[in-house]
Amino acid sequence: MPIKPVKEMVAAATAEIENISVADAQARMNDDDFVMVDIRDPRELDREGRIPGAMHAPRGMLEFWVDTASPYHKEIFASGKKLVFFCASAWRSALSVKTLQDMGLENAAQLEGGFGAWKKADAPIEKKD
């Protein structure tokens, strides 16, 4: 039996989750109840830069940080704030948000187009010194 292509999985996840545009995310950057969550690899952050104020949560730790019963739980994920996850091109974030919603996290969304769309829109980026 052939494997299901990841492109199909991403499309299915994207159709089931909330997607927030770059413009909407920029408009809410100063909202204390709105948290951007960068799930890219640390090397990507160093190479490409970061969205100012975004929290870094490595993709491999998300489920553990969200689960309140996990010894690795991070309180921000139980805060009730709107959590907007992003990666480079909204593939990893689509799968991540779908998984987190399956876990019961209702306040999760993804940044439409990911960091690439943010960069293309000339939105603010912090570069590593």
N, C-alpha and C. Protein backbone atom coordinates (compact mmCIF):
# COMPACT_ATOMS: atom_id res chain seq x y z
N MET A 1 0.85 -1.18 0.00
CA MET A 1 0.00 0.00 0.00
C MET A 1 0.89 1.24 0.00
N PRO A 2 0.67 2.16 -0.94
CA PRO A 2 1.49 3.37 -1.00
C PRO A 2 1.18 4.30 0.18
N ILE A 3 2.17 5.09 0.55
CA ILE A 3 1.96 6.04 1.64
C ILE A 3 1.10 7.20 1.14
N LYS A 4 0.40 7.83 2.06
CA LYS A 4 -0.40 9.00 1.72
C LYS A 4 0.56 10.18 1.56
N PRO A 5 0.51 10.87 0.44
CA PRO A 5 1.42 12.00 0.23
C PRO A 5 1.22 13.10 1.27
N VAL A 6 2.31 13.65 1.74
CA VAL A 6 2.25 14.70 2.76
C VAL A 6 1.48 15.91 2.23
N LYS A 7 1.57 16.18 0.94
CA LYS A 7 0.84 17.31 0.36
C LYS A 7 -0.67 17.15 0.58
N GLU A 8 -1.17 15.92 0.46
CA GLU A 8 -2.59 15.66 0.72
C GLU A 8 -2.92 15.85 2.20
N MET A 9 -2.03 15.41 3.06
CA MET A 9 -2.24 15.56 4.50
C MET A 9 -2.29 17.04 4.88
N VAL A 10 -1.39 17.82 4.32
CA VAL A 10 -1.35 19.26 4.60
C VAL A 10 -2.63 19.93 4.10
N ALA A 11 -3.06 19.59 2.90
CA ALA A 11 -4.28 20.18 2.34
C ALA A 11 -5.49 19.85 3.21
N ALA A 12 -5.58 18.60 3.66
CA ALA A 12 -6.71 18.19 4.51
C ALA A 12 -6.67 18.92 5.84
N ALA A 13 -5.49 19.04 6.44
CA ALA A 13 -5.35 19.74 7.72
C ALA A 13 -5.70 21.21 7.56
N THR A 14 -5.19 21.84 6.50
CA THR A 14 -5.44 23.26 6.26
C THR A 14 -6.93 23.56 6.12
N ALA A 15 -7.65 22.63 5.51
CA ALA A 15 -9.10 22.81 5.33
C ALA A 15 -9.87 22.72 6.64
N GLU A 16 -9.28 22.11 7.65
CA GLU A 16 -9.97 21.89 8.92
C GLU A 16 -9.57 22.83 10.04
N ILE A 17 -8.57 23.67 9.81
CA ILE A 17 -8.07 24.55 10.86
C ILE A 17 -8.31 26.01 10.50
N GLU A 18 -8.14 26.88 11.49
CA GLU A 18 -8.26 28.31 11.23
C GLU A 18 -6.94 28.82 10.66
N ASN A 19 -7.04 29.60 9.60
CA ASN A 19 -5.88 30.20 8.96
C ASN A 19 -6.00 31.72 9.09
N ILE A 20 -4.95 32.34 9.60
CA ILE A 20 -4.95 33.79 9.82
C ILE A 20 -3.99 34.43 8.84
N SER A 21 -4.47 35.46 8.13
CA SER A 21 -3.64 36.13 7.13
C SER A 21 -2.52 36.93 7.81
N VAL A 22 -1.50 37.21 7.03
CA VAL A 22 -0.39 38.03 7.51
C VAL A 22 -0.92 39.40 7.95
N ALA A 23 -1.81 39.99 7.17
CA ALA A 23 -2.36 41.31 7.50
C ALA A 23 -3.09 41.27 8.84
N ASP A 24 -3.91 40.24 9.06
CA ASP A 24 -4.63 40.12 10.34
C ASP A 24 -3.66 39.90 11.50
N ALA A 25 -2.64 39.09 11.27
CA ALA A 25 -1.64 38.85 12.32
C ALA A 25 -0.89 40.13 12.66
N GLN A 26 -0.51 40.89 11.65
CA GLN A 26 0.18 42.16 11.89
C GLN A 26 -0.70 43.12 12.69
N ALA A 27 -1.98 43.14 12.38
CA ALA A 27 -2.90 44.04 13.07
C ALA A 27 -3.06 43.70 14.54
N ARG A 28 -2.76 42.45 14.91
CA ARG A 28 -2.94 42.01 16.30
C ARG A 28 -1.63 41.85 17.06
N MET A 29 -0.52 42.27 16.48
CA MET A 29 0.79 42.07 17.10
C MET A 29 0.91 42.67 18.51
N ASN A 30 0.19 43.73 18.81
CA ASN A 30 0.27 44.35 20.13
C ASN A 30 -0.83 43.89 21.07
N ASP A 31 -1.62 42.91 20.65
CA ASP A 31 -2.70 42.35 21.46
C ASP A 31 -2.11 41.32 22.42
N ASP A 32 -2.27 41.52 23.72
CA ASP A 32 -1.72 40.60 24.72
C ASP A 32 -2.34 39.21 24.67
N ASP A 33 -3.51 39.09 24.05
CA ASP A 33 -4.18 37.80 23.95
C ASP A 33 -3.91 37.10 22.63
N PHE A 34 -2.88 37.51 21.93
CA PHE A 34 -2.52 36.98 20.61
C PHE A 34 -1.04 36.61 20.65
N VAL A 35 -0.72 35.34 20.47
CA VAL A 35 0.66 34.87 20.57
C VAL A 35 1.07 34.16 19.28
N MET A 36 2.11 34.66 18.66
CA MET A 36 2.67 33.99 17.48
C MET A 36 3.66 32.94 17.99
N VAL A 37 3.56 31.72 17.43
CA VAL A 37 4.39 30.61 17.88
C VAL A 37 5.16 30.05 16.69
N ASP A 38 6.46 30.24 16.71
CA ASP A 38 7.36 29.83 15.64
C ASP A 38 7.83 28.41 15.91
N ILE A 39 7.49 27.47 15.01
CA ILE A 39 7.87 26.07 15.22
C ILE A 39 9.04 25.66 14.34
N ARG A 40 9.68 26.62 13.69
CA ARG A 40 10.81 26.30 12.82
C ARG A 40 12.01 25.83 13.63
N ASP A 41 12.90 25.15 12.95
CA ASP A 41 14.15 24.68 13.52
C ASP A 41 15.01 25.89 13.91
N PRO A 42 15.75 25.80 15.00
CA PRO A 42 16.60 26.94 15.41
C PRO A 42 17.53 27.45 14.31
N ARG A 43 18.01 26.56 13.45
CA ARG A 43 18.88 26.99 12.34
C ARG A 43 18.12 27.88 11.37
N GLU A 44 16.82 27.62 11.18
CA GLU A 44 16.01 28.47 10.31
C GLU A 44 15.87 29.87 10.91
N LEU A 45 15.67 29.92 12.22
CA LEU A 45 15.54 31.21 12.89
C LEU A 45 16.83 32.02 12.73
N ASP A 46 17.96 31.37 12.93
CA ASP A 46 19.26 32.05 12.80
C ASP A 46 19.49 32.53 11.38
N ARG A 47 19.11 31.72 10.40
CA ARG A 47 19.36 32.03 9.00
C ARG A 47 18.38 33.07 8.44
N GLU A 48 17.08 32.92 8.76
CA GLU A 48 16.03 33.74 8.14
C GLU A 48 15.55 34.91 8.99
N GLY A 49 15.77 34.81 10.30
CA GLY A 49 15.25 35.84 11.20
C GLY A 49 13.97 35.38 11.86
N ARG A 50 13.42 36.27 12.69
CA ARG A 50 12.24 35.94 13.49
C ARG A 50 11.18 37.02 13.37
N ILE A 51 9.95 36.64 13.64
CA ILE A 51 8.88 37.62 13.76
C ILE A 51 9.01 38.23 15.15
N PRO A 52 9.10 39.56 15.25
CA PRO A 52 9.26 40.20 16.56
C PRO A 52 8.18 39.75 17.55
N GLY A 53 8.62 39.35 18.73
CA GLY A 53 7.71 38.95 19.79
C GLY A 53 7.21 37.53 19.71
N ALA A 54 7.54 36.81 18.63
CA ALA A 54 7.07 35.43 18.49
C ALA A 54 7.80 34.52 19.48
N MET A 55 7.04 33.60 20.03
CA MET A 55 7.59 32.59 20.93
C MET A 55 8.14 31.44 20.08
N HIS A 56 9.28 30.88 20.46
CA HIS A 56 9.80 29.72 19.75
C HIS A 56 9.38 28.46 20.49
N ALA A 57 8.78 27.53 19.77
CA ALA A 57 8.38 26.23 20.32
C ALA A 57 8.79 25.18 19.30
N PRO A 58 9.87 24.46 19.56
CA PRO A 58 10.32 23.47 18.59
C PRO A 58 9.21 22.47 18.25
N ARG A 59 9.08 22.17 16.97
CA ARG A 59 8.01 21.28 16.50
C ARG A 59 7.99 19.97 17.28
N GLY A 60 9.12 19.43 17.60
CA GLY A 60 9.19 18.15 18.29
C GLY A 60 8.68 18.17 19.72
N MET A 61 8.48 19.36 20.30
CA MET A 61 8.03 19.45 21.68
C MET A 61 6.59 19.91 21.84
N LEU A 62 5.93 20.29 20.75
CA LEU A 62 4.60 20.90 20.85
C LEU A 62 3.60 20.09 21.67
N GLU A 63 3.41 18.84 21.32
CA GLU A 63 2.41 18.03 22.03
C GLU A 63 2.74 17.94 23.52
N PHE A 64 4.01 17.86 23.84
CA PHE A 64 4.43 17.75 25.24
C PHE A 64 4.24 19.07 25.98
N TRP A 65 4.46 20.19 25.31
CA TRP A 65 4.29 21.50 25.93
C TRP A 65 2.82 21.84 26.11
N VAL A 66 1.96 21.32 25.23
CA VAL A 66 0.52 21.60 25.30
C VAL A 66 -0.17 20.74 26.37
N ASP A 67 0.24 19.51 26.51
CA ASP A 67 -0.40 18.56 27.43
C ASP A 67 -0.18 18.98 28.88
N THR A 68 -1.27 19.33 29.58
CA THR A 68 -1.16 19.79 30.97
C THR A 68 -0.66 18.69 31.91
N ALA A 69 -0.76 17.43 31.49
CA ALA A 69 -0.28 16.33 32.33
C ALA A 69 1.19 15.99 32.06
N SER A 70 1.77 16.63 31.08
CA SER A 70 3.16 16.36 30.72
C SER A 70 4.11 17.11 31.66
N PRO A 71 5.23 16.49 32.00
CA PRO A 71 6.22 17.20 32.81
C PRO A 71 6.85 18.37 32.05
N TYR A 72 6.63 18.44 30.75
CA TYR A 72 7.21 19.51 29.92
C TYR A 72 6.21 20.63 29.62
N HIS A 73 5.01 20.55 30.19
CA HIS A 73 3.95 21.51 29.90
C HIS A 73 4.41 22.95 30.11
N LYS A 74 4.01 23.82 29.16
CA LYS A 74 4.27 25.26 29.25
C LYS A 74 2.93 25.96 29.44
N GLU A 75 2.84 26.78 30.46
CA GLU A 75 1.58 27.43 30.84
C GLU A 75 0.96 28.27 29.73
N ILE A 76 1.76 28.84 28.86
CA ILE A 76 1.23 29.69 27.79
C ILE A 76 0.19 28.93 26.96
N PHE A 77 0.36 27.62 26.82
CA PHE A 77 -0.56 26.83 26.01
C PHE A 77 -1.89 26.56 26.70
N ALA A 78 -1.97 26.83 27.99
CA ALA A 78 -3.23 26.68 28.74
C ALA A 78 -3.81 28.05 29.10
N SER A 79 -3.25 29.11 28.53
CA SER A 79 -3.62 30.47 28.91
C SER A 79 -4.95 30.94 28.32
N GLY A 80 -5.43 30.27 27.28
CA GLY A 80 -6.65 30.71 26.61
C GLY A 80 -6.38 31.77 25.55
N LYS A 81 -5.14 32.21 25.42
CA LYS A 81 -4.78 33.20 24.40
C LYS A 81 -4.86 32.55 23.01
N LYS A 82 -5.08 33.37 21.99
CA LYS A 82 -5.07 32.88 20.61
C LYS A 82 -3.62 32.55 20.25
N LEU A 83 -3.36 31.33 19.85
CA LEU A 83 -2.03 30.85 19.52
C LEU A 83 -1.96 30.64 18.01
N VAL A 84 -1.09 31.38 17.35
CA VAL A 84 -0.97 31.31 15.91
C VAL A 84 0.40 30.71 15.56
N PHE A 85 0.37 29.48 15.11
CA PHE A 85 1.58 28.72 14.82
C PHE A 85 2.03 28.98 13.38
N PHE A 86 3.35 28.97 13.18
CA PHE A 86 3.86 29.11 11.83
C PHE A 86 5.19 28.41 11.67
N CYS A 87 5.44 28.01 10.43
CA CYS A 87 6.73 27.44 10.04
C CYS A 87 7.17 28.20 8.80
N ALA A 88 7.99 27.64 7.97
CA ALA A 88 8.48 28.35 6.79
C ALA A 88 7.39 28.58 5.75
N SER A 89 6.60 27.53 5.47
CA SER A 89 5.63 27.65 4.37
C SER A 89 4.24 27.11 4.70
N ALA A 90 3.94 26.94 5.97
CA ALA A 90 2.61 26.52 6.45
C ALA A 90 2.31 25.05 6.18
N TRP A 91 3.32 24.22 6.07
CA TRP A 91 3.09 22.77 5.96
C TRP A 91 3.18 22.14 7.34
N ARG A 92 4.31 22.34 8.00
CA ARG A 92 4.47 21.79 9.36
C ARG A 92 3.45 22.38 10.31
N SER A 93 3.17 23.67 10.15
CA SER A 93 2.22 24.31 11.07
C SER A 93 0.80 23.79 10.85
N ALA A 94 0.42 23.50 9.61
CA ALA A 94 -0.92 22.95 9.35
C ALA A 94 -1.08 21.61 10.06
N LEU A 95 -0.09 20.74 9.89
CA LEU A 95 -0.15 19.42 10.54
C LEU A 95 -0.11 19.56 12.07
N SER A 96 0.69 20.51 12.55
CA SER A 96 0.80 20.72 13.99
C SER A 96 -0.51 21.22 14.59
N VAL A 97 -1.11 22.23 13.97
CA VAL A 97 -2.36 22.79 14.50
C VAL A 97 -3.46 21.74 14.48
N LYS A 98 -3.52 20.95 13.41
CA LYS A 98 -4.53 19.88 13.35
C LYS A 98 -4.32 18.89 14.50
N THR A 99 -3.09 18.50 14.74
CA THR A 99 -2.79 17.58 15.84
C THR A 99 -3.16 18.19 17.19
N LEU A 100 -2.82 19.46 17.40
CA LEU A 100 -3.13 20.13 18.67
C LEU A 100 -4.63 20.27 18.86
N GLN A 101 -5.36 20.53 17.78
CA GLN A 101 -6.82 20.58 17.89
C GLN A 101 -7.38 19.21 18.22
N ASP A 102 -6.79 18.17 17.64
CA ASP A 102 -7.21 16.80 17.98
C ASP A 102 -6.96 16.49 19.45
N MET A 103 -5.97 17.15 20.04
CA MET A 103 -5.68 16.99 21.47
C MET A 103 -6.65 17.79 22.33
N GLY A 104 -7.40 18.73 21.71
CA GLY A 104 -8.35 19.53 22.46
C GLY A 104 -8.00 21.00 22.59
N LEU A 105 -6.91 21.43 21.97
CA LEU A 105 -6.52 22.85 22.02
C LEU A 105 -7.37 23.61 21.00
N GLU A 106 -8.33 24.36 21.49
CA GLU A 106 -9.30 25.02 20.61
C GLU A 106 -8.86 26.38 20.12
N ASN A 107 -7.90 27.01 20.77
CA ASN A 107 -7.51 28.38 20.44
C ASN A 107 -6.30 28.45 19.51
N ALA A 108 -6.06 27.38 18.75
CA ALA A 108 -4.91 27.32 17.86
C ALA A 108 -5.31 27.64 16.42
N ALA A 109 -4.43 28.35 15.73
CA ALA A 109 -4.60 28.66 14.31
C ALA A 109 -3.22 28.66 13.69
N GLN A 110 -3.18 28.82 12.37
CA GLN A 110 -1.87 28.93 11.72
C GLN A 110 -1.80 30.20 10.90
N LEU A 111 -0.59 30.68 10.72
CA LEU A 111 -0.33 31.84 9.87
C LEU A 111 -0.36 31.36 8.42
N GLU A 112 -1.29 31.90 7.67
CA GLU A 112 -1.46 31.53 6.27
C GLU A 112 -0.18 31.83 5.49
N GLY A 113 0.39 30.83 4.86
CA GLY A 113 1.61 31.02 4.08
C GLY A 113 2.89 30.98 4.88
N GLY A 114 2.78 30.92 6.20
CA GLY A 114 3.95 30.81 7.06
C GLY A 114 4.89 32.01 7.01
N PHE A 115 6.12 31.76 7.47
CA PHE A 115 7.12 32.82 7.53
C PHE A 115 7.44 33.37 6.14
N GLY A 116 7.35 32.51 5.13
CA GLY A 116 7.59 32.95 3.76
C GLY A 116 6.62 34.04 3.33
N ALA A 117 5.35 33.87 3.68
CA ALA A 117 4.34 34.89 3.36
C ALA A 117 4.58 36.16 4.16
N TRP A 118 4.99 36.00 5.41
CA TRP A 118 5.30 37.15 6.27
C TRP A 118 6.42 37.97 5.64
N LYS A 119 7.47 37.28 5.22
CA LYS A 119 8.63 37.91 4.61
C LYS A 119 8.25 38.58 3.29
N LYS A 120 7.45 37.90 2.47
CA LYS A 120 7.02 38.43 1.17
C LYS A 120 6.19 39.71 1.34
N ALA A 121 5.46 39.80 2.46
CA ALA A 121 4.63 40.99 2.74
C ALA A 121 5.46 42.14 3.31
N ASP A 122 6.76 41.96 3.42
CA ASP A 122 7.65 42.96 4.03
C ASP A 122 7.23 43.31 5.45
N ALA A 123 6.70 42.30 6.15
CA ALA A 123 6.35 42.49 7.56
C ALA A 123 7.65 42.50 8.36
N PRO A 124 7.62 43.03 9.59
CA PRO A 124 8.86 43.16 10.36
C PRO A 124 9.53 41.82 10.69
N ILE A 125 10.83 41.81 10.57
CA ILE A 125 11.65 40.62 10.88
C ILE A 125 12.85 41.07 11.71
N GLU A 126 13.13 40.33 12.76
CA GLU A 126 14.33 40.57 13.57
C GLU A 126 15.41 39.60 13.10
N LYS A 127 16.57 40.13 12.79
CA LYS A 127 17.70 39.30 12.40
C LYS A 127 18.64 39.12 13.58
N LYS A 128 19.30 37.96 13.62
CA LYS A 128 20.27 37.69 14.67
C LYS A 128 21.51 38.55 14.44
N ASP A 129 22.03 39.13 15.52
CA ASP A 129 23.23 39.97 15.39
C ASP A 129 24.46 39.14 15.12
